[in-house]
Amino acid sequence: MARHTDLGKWGEQLAVDKLTAEGYSIVERNWRLGHIEIDIVAQKNEVLVIAEVKTRSELDVDPLEAIDKAKMARMIRAANAYIKHSNLNYQIQFDLFAINGTPENYRIEHIPDAFYPPLKVYR
């Protein structure tokens, strides 16, 4: 397995551990439908969390720089697909995790409710 894949899996496990410690139940990990993927789906009460995890081995690199408008749009499309596929009716929350370092020395940042999906404007 490639080193970056191992790093990503390690980062996702840290995020899962943090969500679990905060009282969330993990519903899915690496959920896929075609080309759509969600890193983590978690639930607490009536809130369904769609979480994206970005992990970088360097301590001085901001993993969140990889979250641009296009990535947020893909997360929103993935959440819609998941909800339709699973026939759910929950409040949705988009969380981001930024993880830097290695298992020996790391920093984790959890940003709950990181963004809201934009409302579509119809003419």
PDB file of N, CA and C in Angstrom:
ATOM      1  N   MET A   1       0.842  -1.176   0.000  1.00  0.00           N
ATOM      2  CA  MET A   1       0.000   0.000   0.000  1.00  0.00           C
ATOM      3  C   MET A   1       0.887   1.239   0.000  1.00  0.00           C
ATOM      4  N   ALA A   2       0.478   2.277  -0.699  1.00  0.00           N
ATOM      5  CA  ALA A   2       1.258   3.501  -0.795  1.00  0.00           C
ATOM      6  C   ALA A   2       1.299   4.223   0.546  1.00  0.00           C
ATOM      7  N   ARG A   3       2.389   4.937   0.760  1.00  0.00           N
ATOM      8  CA  ARG A   3       2.585   5.653   2.024  1.00  0.00           C
ATOM      9  C   ARG A   3       1.464   6.673   2.267  1.00  0.00           C
ATOM     10  N   HIS A   4       1.049   7.401   1.203  1.00  0.00           N
ATOM     11  CA  HIS A   4      -0.003   8.402   1.383  1.00  0.00           C
ATOM     12  C   HIS A   4      -1.338   7.746   1.752  1.00  0.00           C
ATOM     13  N   THR A   5      -1.568   6.537   1.270  1.00  0.00           N
ATOM     14  CA  THR A   5      -2.791   5.809   1.632  1.00  0.00           C
ATOM     15  C   THR A   5      -2.768   5.437   3.106  1.00  0.00           C
ATOM     16  N   ASP A   6      -1.605   4.963   3.587  1.00  0.00           N
ATOM     17  CA  ASP A   6      -1.459   4.645   5.010  1.00  0.00           C
ATOM     18  C   ASP A   6      -1.674   5.890   5.862  1.00  0.00           C
ATOM     19  N   LEU A   7      -1.110   7.010   5.433  1.00  0.00           N
ATOM     20  CA  LEU A   7      -1.250   8.270   6.164  1.00  0.00           C
ATOM     21  C   LEU A   7      -2.716   8.687   6.217  1.00  0.00           C
ATOM     22  N   GLY A   8      -3.409   8.564   5.092  1.00  0.00           N
ATOM     23  CA  GLY A   8      -4.829   8.925   5.050  1.00  0.00           C
ATOM     24  C   GLY A   8      -5.675   8.052   5.955  1.00  0.00           C
ATOM     25  N   LYS A   9      -5.415   6.758   5.954  1.00  0.00           N
ATOM     26  CA  LYS A   9      -6.172   5.848   6.824  1.00  0.00           C
ATOM     27  C   LYS A   9      -5.911   6.153   8.293  1.00  0.00           C
ATOM     28  N   TRP A  10      -4.665   6.464   8.629  1.00  0.00           N
ATOM     29  CA  TRP A  10      -4.321   6.830   9.999  1.00  0.00           C
ATOM     30  C   TRP A  10      -5.070   8.100  10.404  1.00  0.00           C
ATOM     31  N   GLY A  11      -5.079   9.100   9.529  1.00  0.00           N
ATOM     32  CA  GLY A  11      -5.790  10.342   9.810  1.00  0.00           C
ATOM     33  C   GLY A  11      -7.284  10.122   9.992  1.00  0.00           C
ATOM     34  N   GLU A  12      -7.872   9.294   9.143  1.00  0.00           N
ATOM     35  CA  GLU A  12      -9.299   9.001   9.275  1.00  0.00           C
ATOM     36  C   GLU A  12      -9.597   8.281  10.586  1.00  0.00           C
ATOM     37  N   GLN A  13      -8.701   7.411  11.022  1.00  0.00           N
ATOM     38  CA  GLN A  13      -8.913   6.726  12.300  1.00  0.00           C
ATOM     39  C   GLN A  13      -8.861   7.718  13.461  1.00  0.00           C
ATOM     40  N   LEU A  14      -7.948   8.691  13.398  1.00  0.00           N
ATOM     41  CA  LEU A  14      -7.909   9.736  14.434  1.00  0.00           C
ATOM     42  C   LEU A  14      -9.228  10.501  14.480  1.00  0.00           C
ATOM     43  N   ALA A  15      -9.764  10.833  13.303  1.00  0.00           N
ATOM     44  CA  ALA A  15     -11.030  11.560  13.234  1.00  0.00           C
ATOM     45  C   ALA A  15     -12.169  10.712  13.800  1.00  0.00           C
ATOM     46  N   VAL A  16     -12.196   9.424  13.466  1.00  0.00           N
ATOM     47  CA  VAL A  16     -13.216   8.517  14.001  1.00  0.00           C
ATOM     48  C   VAL A  16     -13.116   8.457  15.521  1.00  0.00           C
ATOM     49  N   ASP A  17     -11.900   8.330  16.033  1.00  0.00           N
ATOM     50  CA  ASP A  17     -11.707   8.277  17.483  1.00  0.00           C
ATOM     51  C   ASP A  17     -12.208   9.551  18.154  1.00  0.00           C
ATOM     52  N   LYS A  18     -11.942  10.703  17.550  1.00  0.00           N
ATOM     53  CA  LYS A  18     -12.379  11.985  18.117  1.00  0.00           C
ATOM     54  C   LYS A  18     -13.900  12.089  18.101  1.00  0.00           C
ATOM     55  N   LEU A  19     -14.520  11.727  16.994  1.00  0.00           N
ATOM     56  CA  LEU A  19     -15.984  11.777  16.920  1.00  0.00           C
ATOM     57  C   LEU A  19     -16.613  10.828  17.941  1.00  0.00           C
ATOM     58  N   THR A  20     -16.077   9.636  18.060  1.00  0.00           N
ATOM     59  CA  THR A  20     -16.589   8.658  19.021  1.00  0.00           C
ATOM     60  C   THR A  20     -16.470   9.190  20.448  1.00  0.00           C
ATOM     61  N   ALA A  21     -15.335   9.805  20.755  1.00  0.00           N
ATOM     62  CA  ALA A  21     -15.128  10.385  22.092  1.00  0.00           C
ATOM     63  C   ALA A  21     -16.112  11.519  22.369  1.00  0.00           C
ATOM     64  N   GLU A  22     -16.578  12.183  21.313  1.00  0.00           N
ATOM     65  CA  GLU A  22     -17.537  13.277  21.461  1.00  0.00           C
ATOM     66  C   GLU A  22     -18.982  12.782  21.439  1.00  0.00           C
ATOM     67  N   GLY A  23     -19.180  11.467  21.443  1.00  0.00           N
ATOM     68  CA  GLY A  23     -20.517  10.903  21.543  1.00  0.00           C
ATOM     69  C   GLY A  23     -21.207  10.588  20.232  1.00  0.00           C
ATOM     70  N   TYR A  24     -20.492  10.672  19.130  1.00  0.00           N
ATOM     71  CA  TYR A  24     -21.063  10.336  17.826  1.00  0.00           C
ATOM     72  C   TYR A  24     -20.954   8.838  17.576  1.00  0.00           C
ATOM     73  N   SER A  25     -21.913   8.308  16.864  1.00  0.00           N
ATOM     74  CA  SER A  25     -21.851   6.934  16.375  1.00  0.00           C
ATOM     75  C   SER A  25     -21.349   6.984  14.941  1.00  0.00           C
ATOM     76  N   ILE A  26     -20.441   6.108  14.606  1.00  0.00           N
ATOM     77  CA  ILE A  26     -19.932   6.051  13.239  1.00  0.00           C
ATOM     78  C   ILE A  26     -20.872   5.155  12.432  1.00  0.00           C
ATOM     79  N   VAL A  27     -21.453   5.737  11.399  1.00  0.00           N
ATOM     80  CA  VAL A  27     -22.426   5.032  10.565  1.00  0.00           C
ATOM     81  C   VAL A  27     -21.727   4.387   9.361  1.00  0.00           C
ATOM     82  N   GLU A  28     -20.822   5.120   8.743  1.00  0.00           N
ATOM     83  CA  GLU A  28     -20.113   4.632   7.549  1.00  0.00           C
ATOM     84  C   GLU A  28     -18.700   5.198   7.541  1.00  0.00           C
ATOM     85  N   ARG A  29     -17.800   4.443   6.919  1.00  0.00           N
ATOM     86  CA  ARG A  29     -16.452   4.929   6.631  1.00  0.00           C
ATOM     87  C   ARG A  29     -16.184   4.655   5.163  1.00  0.00           C
ATOM     88  N   ASN A  30     -15.655   5.654   4.473  1.00  0.00           N
ATOM     89  CA  ASN A  30     -15.329   5.527   3.050  1.00  0.00           C
ATOM     90  C   ASN A  30     -16.508   5.018   2.231  1.00  0.00           C
ATOM     91  N   TRP A  31     -17.658   5.632   2.439  1.00  0.00           N
ATOM     92  CA  TRP A  31     -18.866   5.272   1.689  1.00  0.00           C
ATOM     93  C   TRP A  31     -18.698   5.747   0.251  1.00  0.00           C
ATOM     94  N   ARG A  32     -19.050   4.866  -0.688  1.00  0.00           N
ATOM     95  CA  ARG A  32     -18.915   5.182  -2.115  1.00  0.00           C
ATOM     96  C   ARG A  32     -20.194   4.847  -2.867  1.00  0.00           C
ATOM     97  N   LEU A  33     -20.440   5.674  -3.853  1.00  0.00           N
ATOM     98  CA  LEU A  33     -21.490   5.415  -4.827  1.00  0.00           C
ATOM     99  C   LEU A  33     -20.961   5.951  -6.149  1.00  0.00           C
ATOM    100  N   GLY A  34     -20.530   5.062  -7.012  1.00  0.00           N
ATOM    101  CA  GLY A  34     -19.884   5.494  -8.251  1.00  0.00           C
ATOM    102  C   GLY A  34     -18.583   6.218  -7.924  1.00  0.00           C
ATOM    103  N   HIS A  35     -18.463   7.449  -8.400  1.00  0.00           N
ATOM    104  CA  HIS A  35     -17.260   8.247  -8.148  1.00  0.00           C
ATOM    105  C   HIS A  35     -17.389   9.109  -6.897  1.00  0.00           C
ATOM    106  N   ILE A  36     -18.504   9.035  -6.225  1.00  0.00           N
ATOM    107  CA  ILE A  36     -18.754   9.849  -5.034  1.00  0.00           C
ATOM    108  C   ILE A  36     -18.235   9.109  -3.807  1.00  0.00           C
ATOM    109  N   GLU A  37     -17.557   9.849  -2.918  1.00  0.00           N
ATOM    110  CA  GLU A  37     -17.071   9.234  -1.685  1.00  0.00           C
ATOM    111  C   GLU A  37     -17.252  10.179  -0.505  1.00  0.00           C
ATOM    112  N   ILE A  38     -17.562   9.588   0.639  1.00  0.00           N
ATOM    113  CA  ILE A  38     -17.620  10.316   1.904  1.00  0.00           C
ATOM    114  C   ILE A  38     -16.641   9.618   2.846  1.00  0.00           C
ATOM    115  N   ASP A  39     -15.732  10.393   3.443  1.00  0.00           N
ATOM    116  CA  ASP A  39     -14.745   9.797   4.353  1.00  0.00           C
ATOM    117  C   ASP A  39     -15.427   9.168   5.562  1.00  0.00           C
ATOM    118  N   ILE A  40     -16.257   9.964   6.257  1.00  0.00           N
ATOM    119  CA  ILE A  40     -16.915   9.479   7.475  1.00  0.00           C
ATOM    120  C   ILE A  40     -18.345  10.001   7.516  1.00  0.00           C
ATOM    121  N   VAL A  41     -19.274   9.114   7.830  1.00  0.00           N
ATOM    122  CA  VAL A  41     -20.644   9.502   8.145  1.00  0.00           C
ATOM    123  C   VAL A  41     -20.854   9.128   9.606  1.00  0.00           C
ATOM    124  N   ALA A  42     -21.228  10.112  10.403  1.00  0.00           N
ATOM    125  CA  ALA A  42     -21.442   9.877  11.829  1.00  0.00           C
ATOM    126  C   ALA A  42     -22.802  10.448  12.217  1.00  0.00           C
ATOM    127  N   GLN A  43     -23.319   9.999  13.345  1.00  0.00           N
ATOM    128  CA  GLN A  43     -24.631  10.466  13.787  1.00  0.00           C
ATOM    129  C   GLN A  43     -24.628  10.697  15.294  1.00  0.00           C
ATOM    130  N   LYS A  44     -25.312  11.770  15.683  1.00  0.00           N
ATOM    131  CA  LYS A  44     -25.549  12.061  17.094  1.00  0.00           C
ATOM    132  C   LYS A  44     -26.934  12.689  17.161  1.00  0.00           C
ATOM    133  N   ASN A  45     -27.820  12.019  17.868  1.00  0.00           N
ATOM    134  CA  ASN A  45     -29.221  12.439  17.931  1.00  0.00           C
ATOM    135  C   ASN A  45     -29.782  12.504  16.509  1.00  0.00           C
ATOM    136  N   GLU A  46     -30.326  13.619  16.124  1.00  0.00           N
ATOM    137  CA  GLU A  46     -30.923  13.746  14.786  1.00  0.00           C
ATOM    138  C   GLU A  46     -30.010  14.465  13.805  1.00  0.00           C
ATOM    139  N   VAL A  47     -28.715  14.500  14.098  1.00  0.00           N
ATOM    140  CA  VAL A  47     -27.750  15.174  13.226  1.00  0.00           C
ATOM    141  C   VAL A  47     -26.867  14.120  12.554  1.00  0.00           C
ATOM    142  N   LEU A  48     -26.792  14.219  11.247  1.00  0.00           N
ATOM    143  CA  LEU A  48     -25.927  13.341  10.463  1.00  0.00           C
ATOM    144  C   LEU A  48     -24.721  14.172  10.028  1.00  0.00           C
ATOM    145  N   VAL A  49     -23.529  13.728  10.394  1.00  0.00           N
ATOM    146  CA  VAL A  49     -22.297  14.443  10.075  1.00  0.00           C
ATOM    147  C   VAL A  49     -21.640  13.810   8.859  1.00  0.00           C
ATOM    148  N   ILE A  50     -21.350  14.649   7.878  1.00  0.00           N
ATOM    149  CA  ILE A  50     -20.578  14.260   6.714  1.00  0.00           C
ATOM    150  C   ILE A  50     -19.201  14.875   6.943  1.00  0.00           C
ATOM    151  N   ALA A  51     -18.198  14.032   7.182  1.00  0.00           N
ATOM    152  CA  ALA A  51     -16.877  14.531   7.556  1.00  0.00           C
ATOM    153  C   ALA A  51     -15.846  14.251   6.474  1.00  0.00           C
ATOM    154  N   GLU A  52     -15.049  15.253   6.202  1.00  0.00           N
ATOM    155  CA  GLU A  52     -13.929  15.145   5.280  1.00  0.00           C
ATOM    156  C   GLU A  52     -12.648  15.257   6.102  1.00  0.00           C
ATOM    157  N   VAL A  53     -11.714  14.349   5.867  1.00  0.00           N
ATOM    158  CA  VAL A  53     -10.460  14.324   6.612  1.00  0.00           C
ATOM    159  C   VAL A  53      -9.314  14.594   5.647  1.00  0.00           C
ATOM    160  N   LYS A  54      -8.504  15.571   5.984  1.00  0.00           N
ATOM    161  CA  LYS A  54      -7.298  15.876   5.208  1.00  0.00           C
ATOM    162  C   LYS A  54      -6.103  15.705   6.122  1.00  0.00           C
ATOM    163  N   THR A  55      -5.164  14.872   5.703  1.00  0.00           N
ATOM    164  CA  THR A  55      -3.986  14.559   6.513  1.00  0.00           C
ATOM    165  C   THR A  55      -2.721  14.874   5.725  1.00  0.00           C
ATOM    166  N   ARG A  56      -1.797  15.548   6.382  1.00  0.00           N
ATOM    167  CA  ARG A  56      -0.500  15.862   5.796  1.00  0.00           C
ATOM    168  C   ARG A  56       0.589  15.484   6.795  1.00  0.00           C
ATOM    169  N   SER A  57       1.669  14.906   6.326  1.00  0.00           N
ATOM    170  CA  SER A  57       2.746  14.498   7.228  1.00  0.00           C
ATOM    171  C   SER A  57       3.559  15.695   7.712  1.00  0.00           C
ATOM    172  N   GLU A  58       3.604  16.758   6.931  1.00  0.00           N
ATOM    173  CA  GLU A  58       4.361  17.944   7.311  1.00  0.00           C
ATOM    174  C   GLU A  58       3.570  18.759   8.329  1.00  0.00           C
ATOM    175  N   LEU A  59       4.260  19.251   9.366  1.00  0.00           N
ATOM    176  CA  LEU A  59       3.588  20.043  10.396  1.00  0.00           C
ATOM    177  C   LEU A  59       3.304  21.472   9.939  1.00  0.00           C
ATOM    178  N   ASP A  60       4.030  21.961   8.950  1.00  0.00           N
ATOM    179  CA  ASP A  60       3.886  23.356   8.534  1.00  0.00           C
ATOM    180  C   ASP A  60       3.006  23.541   7.292  1.00  0.00           C
ATOM    181  N   VAL A  61       2.267  22.513   6.903  1.00  0.00           N
ATOM    182  CA  VAL A  61       1.371  22.580   5.749  1.00  0.00           C
ATOM    183  C   VAL A  61      -0.063  22.552   6.262  1.00  0.00           C
ATOM    184  N   ASP A  62      -0.910  23.426   5.715  1.00  0.00           N
ATOM    185  CA  ASP A  62      -2.311  23.460   6.136  1.00  0.00           C
ATOM    186  C   ASP A  62      -3.132  22.500   5.279  1.00  0.00           C
ATOM    187  N   PRO A  63      -3.597  21.391   5.856  1.00  0.00           N
ATOM    188  CA  PRO A  63      -4.388  20.436   5.076  1.00  0.00           C
ATOM    189  C   PRO A  63      -5.688  21.033   4.534  1.00  0.00           C
ATOM    190  N   LEU A  64      -6.199  22.050   5.206  1.00  0.00           N
ATOM    191  CA  LEU A  64      -7.484  22.625   4.788  1.00  0.00           C
ATOM    192  C   LEU A  64      -7.383  23.440   3.499  1.00  0.00           C
ATOM    193  N   GLU A  65      -6.162  23.703   3.047  1.00  0.00           N
ATOM    194  CA  GLU A  65      -6.014  24.389   1.760  1.00  0.00           C
ATOM    195  C   GLU A  65      -6.589  23.545   0.623  1.00  0.00           C
ATOM    196  N   ALA A  66      -6.725  22.252   0.856  1.00  0.00           N
ATOM    197  CA  ALA A  66      -7.285  21.356  -0.170  1.00  0.00           C
ATOM    198  C   ALA A  66      -8.803  21.432  -0.235  1.00  0.00           C
ATOM    199  N   ILE A  67      -9.424  22.136   0.702  1.00  0.00           N
ATOM    200  CA  ILE A  67     -10.888  22.265   0.714  1.00  0.00           C
ATOM    201  C   ILE A  67     -11.263  23.574   0.036  1.00  0.00           C
ATOM    202  N   ASP A  68     -11.558  23.480  -1.231  1.00  0.00           N
ATOM    203  CA  ASP A  68     -11.982  24.659  -1.989  1.00  0.00           C
ATOM    204  C   ASP A  68     -13.477  24.539  -2.316  1.00  0.00           C
ATOM    205  N   LYS A  69     -13.987  25.483  -3.074  1.00  0.00           N
ATOM    206  CA  LYS A  69     -15.417  25.467  -3.417  1.00  0.00           C
ATOM    207  C   LYS A  69     -15.808  24.197  -4.166  1.00  0.00           C
ATOM    208  N   ALA A  70     -14.936  23.735  -5.041  1.00  0.00           N
ATOM    209  CA  ALA A  70     -15.232  22.522  -5.803  1.00  0.00           C
ATOM    210  C   ALA A  70     -15.320  21.313  -4.869  1.00  0.00           C
ATOM    211  N   LYS A  71     -14.425  21.219  -3.894  1.00  0.00           N
ATOM    212  CA  LYS A  71     -14.454  20.102  -2.948  1.00  0.00           C
ATOM    213  C   LYS A  71     -15.720  20.169  -2.094  1.00  0.00           C
ATOM    214  N   MET A  72     -16.089  21.372  -1.660  1.00  0.00           N
ATOM    215  CA  MET A  72     -17.330  21.517  -0.881  1.00  0.00           C
ATOM    216  C   MET A  72     -18.533  21.101  -1.718  1.00  0.00           C
ATOM    217  N   ALA A  73     -18.535  21.462  -2.990  1.00  0.00           N
ATOM    218  CA  ALA A  73     -19.642  21.072  -3.866  1.00  0.00           C
ATOM    219  C   ALA A  73     -19.710  19.550  -4.003  1.00  0.00           C
ATOM    220  N   ARG A  74     -18.550  18.878  -4.097  1.00  0.00           N
ATOM    221  CA  ARG A  74     -18.533  17.414  -4.164  1.00  0.00           C
ATOM    222  C   ARG A  74     -19.048  16.806  -2.857  1.00  0.00           C
ATOM    223  N   MET A  75     -18.696  17.411  -1.728  1.00  0.00           N
ATOM    224  CA  MET A  75     -19.192  16.918  -0.439  1.00  0.00           C
ATOM    225  C   MET A  75     -20.716  17.049  -0.361  1.00  0.00           C
ATOM    226  N   ILE A  76     -21.246  18.146  -0.854  1.00  0.00           N
ATOM    227  CA  ILE A  76     -22.696  18.371  -0.844  1.00  0.00           C
ATOM    228  C   ILE A  76     -23.384  17.358  -1.754  1.00  0.00           C
ATOM    229  N   ARG A  77     -22.842  17.121  -2.951  1.00  0.00           N
ATOM    230  CA  ARG A  77     -23.411  16.121  -3.859  1.00  0.00           C
ATOM    231  C   ARG A  77     -23.357  14.733  -3.220  1.00  0.00           C
ATOM    232  N   ALA A  78     -22.258  14.420  -2.562  1.00  0.00           N
ATOM    233  CA  ALA A  78     -22.127  13.118  -1.909  1.00  0.00           C
ATOM    234  C   ALA A  78     -23.141  12.972  -0.781  1.00  0.00           C
ATOM    235  N   ALA A  79     -23.338  14.022   0.003  1.00  0.00           N
ATOM    236  CA  ALA A  79     -24.326  13.981   1.091  1.00  0.00           C
ATOM    237  C   ALA A  79     -25.726  13.765   0.531  1.00  0.00           C
ATOM    238  N   ASN A  80     -26.064  14.475  -0.535  1.00  0.00           N
ATOM    239  CA  ASN A  80     -27.378  14.291  -1.169  1.00  0.00           C
ATOM    240  C   ASN A  80     -27.543  12.857  -1.669  1.00  0.00           C
ATOM    241  N   ALA A  81     -26.513  12.316  -2.286  1.00  0.00           N
ATOM    242  CA  ALA A  81     -26.584  10.938  -2.786  1.00  0.00           C
ATOM    243  C   ALA A  81     -26.750   9.962  -1.629  1.00  0.00           C
ATOM    244  N   TYR A  82     -26.020  10.190  -0.548  1.00  0.00           N
ATOM    245  CA  TYR A  82     -26.108   9.293   0.609  1.00  0.00           C
ATOM    246  C   TYR A  82     -27.513   9.321   1.208  1.00  0.00           C
ATOM    247  N   ILE A  83     -28.066  10.509   1.362  1.00  0.00           N
ATOM    248  CA  ILE A  83     -29.403  10.662   1.951  1.00  0.00           C
ATOM    249  C   ILE A  83     -30.453   9.986   1.076  1.00  0.00           C
ATOM    250  N   LYS A  84     -30.369  10.209  -0.228  1.00  0.00           N
ATOM    251  CA  LYS A  84     -31.326   9.573  -1.142  1.00  0.00           C
ATOM    252  C   LYS A  84     -31.150   8.061  -1.159  1.00  0.00           C
ATOM    253  N   HIS A  85     -29.910   7.607  -1.221  1.00  0.00           N
ATOM    254  CA  HIS A  85     -29.616   6.172  -1.265  1.00  0.00           C
ATOM    255  C   HIS A  85     -30.091   5.471   0.006  1.00  0.00           C
ATOM    256  N   SER A  86     -29.941   6.131   1.149  1.00  0.00           N
ATOM    257  CA  SER A  86     -30.283   5.529   2.442  1.00  0.00           C
ATOM    258  C   SER A  86     -31.687   5.888   2.910  1.00  0.00           C
ATOM    259  N   ASN A  87     -32.370   6.746   2.138  1.00  0.00           N
ATOM    260  CA  ASN A  87     -33.732   7.177   2.467  1.00  0.00           C
ATOM    261  C   ASN A  87     -33.806   7.738   3.898  1.00  0.00           C
ATOM    262  N   LEU A  88     -32.980   8.745   4.166  1.00  0.00           N
ATOM    263  CA  LEU A  88     -32.891   9.344   5.497  1.00  0.00           C
ATOM    264  C   LEU A  88     -33.500  10.727   5.520  1.00  0.00           C
ATOM    265  N   ASN A  89     -33.853  11.161   6.718  1.00  0.00           N
ATOM    266  CA  ASN A  89     -34.366  12.511   6.916  1.00  0.00           C
ATOM    267  C   ASN A  89     -33.744  13.079   8.188  1.00  0.00           C
ATOM    268  N   TYR A  90     -32.500  13.515   8.092  1.00  0.00           N
ATOM    269  CA  TYR A  90     -31.771  14.069   9.218  1.00  0.00           C
ATOM    270  C   TYR A  90     -31.259  15.463   8.883  1.00  0.00           C
ATOM    271  N   GLN A  91     -30.989  16.212   9.927  1.00  0.00           N
ATOM    272  CA  GLN A  91     -30.268  17.469   9.756  1.00  0.00           C
ATOM    273  C   GLN A  91     -28.835  17.098   9.377  1.00  0.00           C
ATOM    274  N   ILE A  92     -28.257  17.799   8.400  1.00  0.00           N
ATOM    275  CA  ILE A  92     -26.908  17.485   7.927  1.00  0.00           C
ATOM    276  C   ILE A  92     -25.931  18.536   8.428  1.00  0.00           C
ATOM    277  N   GLN A  93     -24.782  18.052   8.838  1.00  0.00           N
ATOM    278  CA  GLN A  93     -23.693  18.921   9.288  1.00  0.00           C
ATOM    279  C   GLN A  93     -22.430  18.499   8.559  1.00  0.00           C
ATOM    280  N   PHE A  94     -21.710  19.466   8.006  1.00  0.00           N
ATOM    281  CA  PHE A  94     -20.462  19.189   7.309  1.00  0.00           C
ATOM    282  C   PHE A  94     -19.294  19.551   8.221  1.00  0.00           C
ATOM    283  N   ASP A  95     -18.494  18.551   8.590  1.00  0.00           N
ATOM    284  CA  ASP A  95     -17.336  18.747   9.458  1.00  0.00           C
ATOM    285  C   ASP A  95     -16.057  18.530   8.664  1.00  0.00           C
ATOM    286  N   LEU A  96     -15.018  19.235   9.070  1.00  0.00           N
ATOM    287  CA  LEU A  96     -13.704  19.066   8.469  1.00  0.00           C
ATOM    288  C   LEU A  96     -12.698  18.691   9.546  1.00  0.00           C
ATOM    289  N   PHE A  97     -11.769  17.826   9.181  1.00  0.00           N
ATOM    290  CA  PHE A  97     -10.663  17.454  10.060  1.00  0.00           C
ATOM    291  C   PHE A  97      -9.365  17.758   9.337  1.00  0.00           C
ATOM    292  N   ALA A  98      -8.484  18.477  10.022  1.00  0.00           N
ATOM    293  CA  ALA A  98      -7.144  18.749   9.508  1.00  0.00           C
ATOM    294  C   ALA A  98      -6.152  18.077  10.451  1.00  0.00           C
ATOM    295  N   ILE A  99      -5.348  17.187   9.905  1.00  0.00           N
ATOM    296  CA  ILE A  99      -4.394  16.439  10.720  1.00  0.00           C
ATOM    297  C   ILE A  99      -3.009  16.618  10.114  1.00  0.00           C
ATOM    298  N   ASN A 100      -2.079  17.008  10.963  1.00  0.00           N
ATOM    299  CA  ASN A 100      -0.689  17.173  10.556  1.00  0.00           C
ATOM    300  C   ASN A 100       0.206  16.289  11.397  1.00  0.00           C
ATOM    301  N   GLY A 101       1.228  15.701  10.760  1.00  0.00           N
ATOM    302  CA  GLY A 101       2.256  14.999  11.504  1.00  0.00           C
ATOM    303  C   GLY A 101       2.272  13.507  11.266  1.00  0.00           C
ATOM    304  N   THR A 102       2.800  12.828  12.263  1.00  0.00           N
ATOM    305  CA  THR A 102       2.962  11.380  12.237  1.00  0.00           C
ATOM    306  C   THR A 102       2.420  10.833  13.555  1.00  0.00           C
ATOM    307  N   PRO A 103       2.270   9.531  13.672  1.00  0.00           N
ATOM    308  CA  PRO A 103       1.757   8.991  14.937  1.00  0.00           C
ATOM    309  C   PRO A 103       2.582   9.403  16.167  1.00  0.00           C
ATOM    310  N   GLU A 104       3.850   9.697  15.978  1.00  0.00           N
ATOM    311  CA  GLU A 104       4.700  10.095  17.097  1.00  0.00           C
ATOM    312  C   GLU A 104       4.504  11.557  17.486  1.00  0.00           C
ATOM    313  N   ASN A 105       4.107  12.397  16.540  1.00  0.00           N
ATOM    314  CA  ASN A 105       3.978  13.835  16.781  1.00  0.00           C
ATOM    315  C   ASN A 105       2.946  14.397  15.804  1.00  0.00           C
ATOM    316  N   TYR A 106       1.745  14.642  16.293  1.00  0.00           N
ATOM    317  CA  TYR A 106       0.698  15.120  15.389  1.00  0.00           C
ATOM    318  C   TYR A 106      -0.179  16.185  16.047  1.00  0.00           C
ATOM    319  N   ARG A 107      -0.914  16.854  15.177  1.00  0.00           N
ATOM    320  CA  ARG A 107      -1.874  17.884  15.594  1.00  0.00           C
ATOM    321  C   ARG A 107      -3.171  17.589  14.839  1.00  0.00           C
ATOM    322  N   ILE A 108      -4.287  17.640  15.551  1.00  0.00           N
ATOM    323  CA  ILE A 108      -5.591  17.406  14.921  1.00  0.00           C
ATOM    324  C   ILE A 108      -6.495  18.597  15.203  1.00  0.00           C
ATOM    325  N   GLU A 109      -7.167  19.050  14.170  1.00  0.00           N
ATOM    326  CA  GLU A 109      -8.129  20.143  14.290  1.00  0.00           C
ATOM    327  C   GLU A 109      -9.467  19.658  13.735  1.00  0.00           C
ATOM    328  N   HIS A 110     -10.502  19.782  14.544  1.00  0.00           N
ATOM    329  CA  HIS A 110     -11.854  19.394  14.137  1.00  0.00           C
ATOM    330  C   HIS A 110     -12.667  20.671  14.017  1.00  0.00           C
ATOM    331  N   ILE A 111     -13.241  20.883  12.844  1.00  0.00           N
ATOM    332  CA  ILE A 111     -14.087  22.058  12.618  1.00  0.00           C
ATOM    333  C   ILE A 111     -15.503  21.561  12.376  1.00  0.00           C
ATOM    334  N   PRO A 112     -16.328  21.550  13.442  1.00  0.00           N
ATOM    335  CA  PRO A 112     -17.718  21.135  13.260  1.00  0.00           C
ATOM    336  C   PRO A 112     -18.508  22.216  12.519  1.00  0.00           C
ATOM    337  N   ASP A 113     -19.498  21.775  11.748  1.00  0.00           N
ATOM    338  CA  ASP A 113     -20.340  22.724  11.017  1.00  0.00           C
ATOM    339  C   ASP A 113     -19.494  23.715  10.228  1.00  0.00           C
ATOM    340  N   ALA A 114     -18.530  23.203   9.488  1.00  0.00           N
ATOM    341  CA  ALA A 114     -17.534  24.029   8.802  1.00  0.00           C
ATOM    342  C   ALA A 114     -18.128  24.925   7.719  1.00  0.00           C
ATOM    343  N   PHE A 115     -19.181  24.472   7.086  1.00  0.00           N
ATOM    344  CA  PHE A 115     -19.821  25.283   6.039  1.00  0.00           C
ATOM    345  C   PHE A 115     -21.263  24.824   5.869  1.00  0.00           C
ATOM    346  N   TYR A 116     -22.033  25.686   5.257  1.00  0.00           N
ATOM    347  CA  TYR A 116     -23.437  25.384   4.942  1.00  0.00           C
ATOM    348  C   TYR A 116     -23.574  25.311   3.434  1.00  0.00           C
ATOM    349  N   PRO A 117     -24.369  24.370   2.951  1.00  0.00           N
ATOM    350  CA  PRO A 117     -24.573  24.316   1.496  1.00  0.00           C
ATOM    351  C   PRO A 117     -25.264  25.600   1.025  1.00  0.00           C
ATOM    352  N   PRO A 118     -24.826  26.124  -0.087  1.00  0.00           N
ATOM    353  CA  PRO A 118     -25.478  27.336  -0.596  1.00  0.00           C
ATOM    354  C   PRO A 118     -26.878  27.012  -1.090  1.00  0.00           C
ATOM    355  N   LEU A 119     -27.739  28.006  -1.003  1.00  0.00           N
ATOM    356  CA  LEU A 119     -29.086  27.863  -1.551  1.00  0.00           C
ATOM    357  C   LEU A 119     -29.003  28.113  -3.038  1.00  0.00           C
ATOM    358  N   LYS A 120     -29.677  27.290  -3.813  1.00  0.00           N
ATOM    359  CA  LYS A 120     -29.703  27.500  -5.252  1.00  0.00           C
ATOM    360  C   LYS A 120     -30.631  28.662  -5.571  1.00  0.00           C
ATOM    361  N   VAL A 121     -30.226  29.455  -6.519  1.00  0.00           N
ATOM    362  CA  VAL A 121     -31.045  30.582  -6.952  1.00  0.00           C
ATOM    363  C   VAL A 121     -31.679  30.201  -8.279  1.00  0.00           C
ATOM    364  N   TYR A 122     -32.980  30.292  -8.333  1.00  0.00           N
ATOM    365  CA  TYR A 122     -33.720  29.978  -9.550  1.00  0.00           C
ATOM    366  C   TYR A 122     -34.222  31.264 -10.176  1.00  0.00           C
ATOM    367  N   ARG A 123     -34.136  31.366 -11.483  1.00  0.00           N
ATOM    368  CA  ARG A 123     -34.613  32.580 -12.174  1.00  0.00           C
ATOM    369  C   ARG A 123     -35.909  32.319 -12.865  1.00  0.00           C
TER     370      ARG A 123
END
